[in-house]
Amino acid sequence: TNERLNKDVQSYRLITVAVLVDRLKINGSLARKALSELEEKGVIRKVVSHNALNIYTRAVGGGD
């Protein structure tokens, strides 16, 4: 599941806990933990932060 998570999530445009639960067949607590770890690694970035829902997208190349 970890390899699939790292490979597949990079291709998703919209990433939420519900998306991971549906596509990867994992539970919500595991999906939340995975999203926070992927954000720390820089694979994804947070778009919207709310206490009930965090929305992420894939991190694109640095265009600064």
C-alpha atoms as a PDB file:
ATOM      1  CA  THR A   1       0.000   0.000   0.000  1.00  0.00           C
ATOM      2  CA  ASN A   2       2.847   2.393   0.770  1.00  0.00           C
ATOM      3  CA  GLU A   3       4.433   1.995  -2.673  1.00  0.00           C
ATOM      4  CA  ARG A   4       1.067   2.397  -4.359  1.00  0.00           C
ATOM      5  CA  LEU A   5       0.362   5.461  -2.244  1.00  0.00           C
ATOM      6  CA  ASN A   6       3.638   7.141  -3.201  1.00  0.00           C
ATOM      7  CA  LYS A   7       3.234   6.301  -6.890  1.00  0.00           C
ATOM      8  CA  ASP A   8      -0.470   6.973  -7.458  1.00  0.00           C
ATOM      9  CA  VAL A   9      -1.012  10.061  -5.313  1.00  0.00           C
ATOM     10  CA  GLN A  10       1.425  12.092  -7.404  1.00  0.00           C
ATOM     11  CA  SER A  11      -0.924  11.770 -10.389  1.00  0.00           C
ATOM     12  CA  TYR A  12      -4.070  12.955  -8.544  1.00  0.00           C
ATOM     13  CA  ARG A  13      -5.092  16.582  -9.031  1.00  0.00           C
ATOM     14  CA  LEU A  14      -7.465  16.708  -6.056  1.00  0.00           C
ATOM     15  CA  ILE A  15      -6.378  14.835  -2.940  1.00  0.00           C
ATOM     16  CA  THR A  16      -8.529  14.457   0.165  1.00  0.00           C
ATOM     17  CA  VAL A  17      -8.956  11.799   2.822  1.00  0.00           C
ATOM     18  CA  ALA A  18     -12.098  10.584   1.042  1.00  0.00           C
ATOM     19  CA  VAL A  19     -10.237  10.212  -2.263  1.00  0.00           C
ATOM     20  CA  LEU A  20      -7.559   8.034  -0.660  1.00  0.00           C
ATOM     21  CA  VAL A  21     -10.135   5.941   1.207  1.00  0.00           C
ATOM     22  CA  ASP A  22     -12.086   5.327  -1.993  1.00  0.00           C
ATOM     23  CA  ARG A  23      -9.212   4.686  -4.395  1.00  0.00           C
ATOM     24  CA  LEU A  24      -6.726   2.885  -2.144  1.00  0.00           C
ATOM     25  CA  LYS A  25      -9.215   1.077   0.124  1.00  0.00           C
ATOM     26  CA  ILE A  26      -7.600   2.271   3.358  1.00  0.00           C
ATOM     27  CA  ASN A  27      -9.267   3.671   6.477  1.00  0.00           C
ATOM     28  CA  GLY A  28      -9.560   7.378   7.258  1.00  0.00           C
ATOM     29  CA  SER A  29      -6.992   7.564  10.044  1.00  0.00           C
ATOM     30  CA  LEU A  30      -4.362   5.951   7.829  1.00  0.00           C
ATOM     31  CA  ALA A  31      -5.254   8.333   4.988  1.00  0.00           C
ATOM     32  CA  ARG A  32      -4.871  11.399   7.251  1.00  0.00           C
ATOM     33  CA  LYS A  33      -1.473  10.190   8.468  1.00  0.00           C
ATOM     34  CA  ALA A  34      -0.345   9.468   4.902  1.00  0.00           C
ATOM     35  CA  LEU A  35      -1.393  12.930   3.717  1.00  0.00           C
ATOM     36  CA  SER A  36       0.543  14.658   6.478  1.00  0.00           C
ATOM     37  CA  GLU A  37       3.656  12.587   5.712  1.00  0.00           C
ATOM     38  CA  LEU A  38       3.403  13.291   1.977  1.00  0.00           C
ATOM     39  CA  GLU A  39       3.062  17.005   2.705  1.00  0.00           C
ATOM     40  CA  GLU A  40       6.193  16.925   4.883  1.00  0.00           C
ATOM     41  CA  LYS A  41       8.111  15.203   2.059  1.00  0.00           C
ATOM     42  CA  GLY A  42       6.945  17.851  -0.417  1.00  0.00           C
ATOM     43  CA  VAL A  43       5.106  15.415  -2.681  1.00  0.00           C
ATOM     44  CA  ILE A  44       1.804  17.246  -2.219  1.00  0.00           C
ATOM     45  CA  ARG A  45       0.851  20.721  -1.025  1.00  0.00           C
ATOM     46  CA  LYS A  46      -2.126  21.928   0.989  1.00  0.00           C
ATOM     47  CA  VAL A  47      -4.624  24.121  -0.828  1.00  0.00           C
ATOM     48  CA  VAL A  48      -7.377  24.512   1.789  1.00  0.00           C
ATOM     49  CA  SER A  49      -7.075  23.903   5.506  1.00  0.00           C
ATOM     50  CA  HIS A  50     -10.164  23.478   7.654  1.00  0.00           C
ATOM     51  CA  ASN A  51     -10.726  21.474  10.802  1.00  0.00           C
ATOM     52  CA  ALA A  52     -13.150  19.137   8.988  1.00  0.00           C
ATOM     53  CA  LEU A  53     -11.470  18.871   5.589  1.00  0.00           C
ATOM     54  CA  ASN A  54      -8.007  19.437   4.171  1.00  0.00           C
ATOM     55  CA  ILE A  55      -7.644  19.646   0.409  1.00  0.00           C
ATOM     56  CA  TYR A  56      -4.312  18.929  -1.225  1.00  0.00           C
ATOM     57  CA  THR A  57      -2.960  18.950  -4.749  1.00  0.00           C
ATOM     58  CA  ARG A  58       0.170  17.537  -6.293  1.00  0.00           C
ATOM     59  CA  ALA A  59       3.296  19.606  -5.893  1.00  0.00           C
ATOM     60  CA  VAL A  60       4.488  20.944  -9.226  1.00  0.00           C
ATOM     61  CA  GLY A  61       7.995  22.082 -10.092  1.00  0.00           C
ATOM     62  CA  GLY A  62       9.273  25.240  -8.427  1.00  0.00           C
ATOM     63  CA  GLY A  63       8.220  28.165 -10.567  1.00  0.00           C
ATOM     64  CA  ASP A  64       9.375  30.838  -8.130  1.00  0.00           C
END
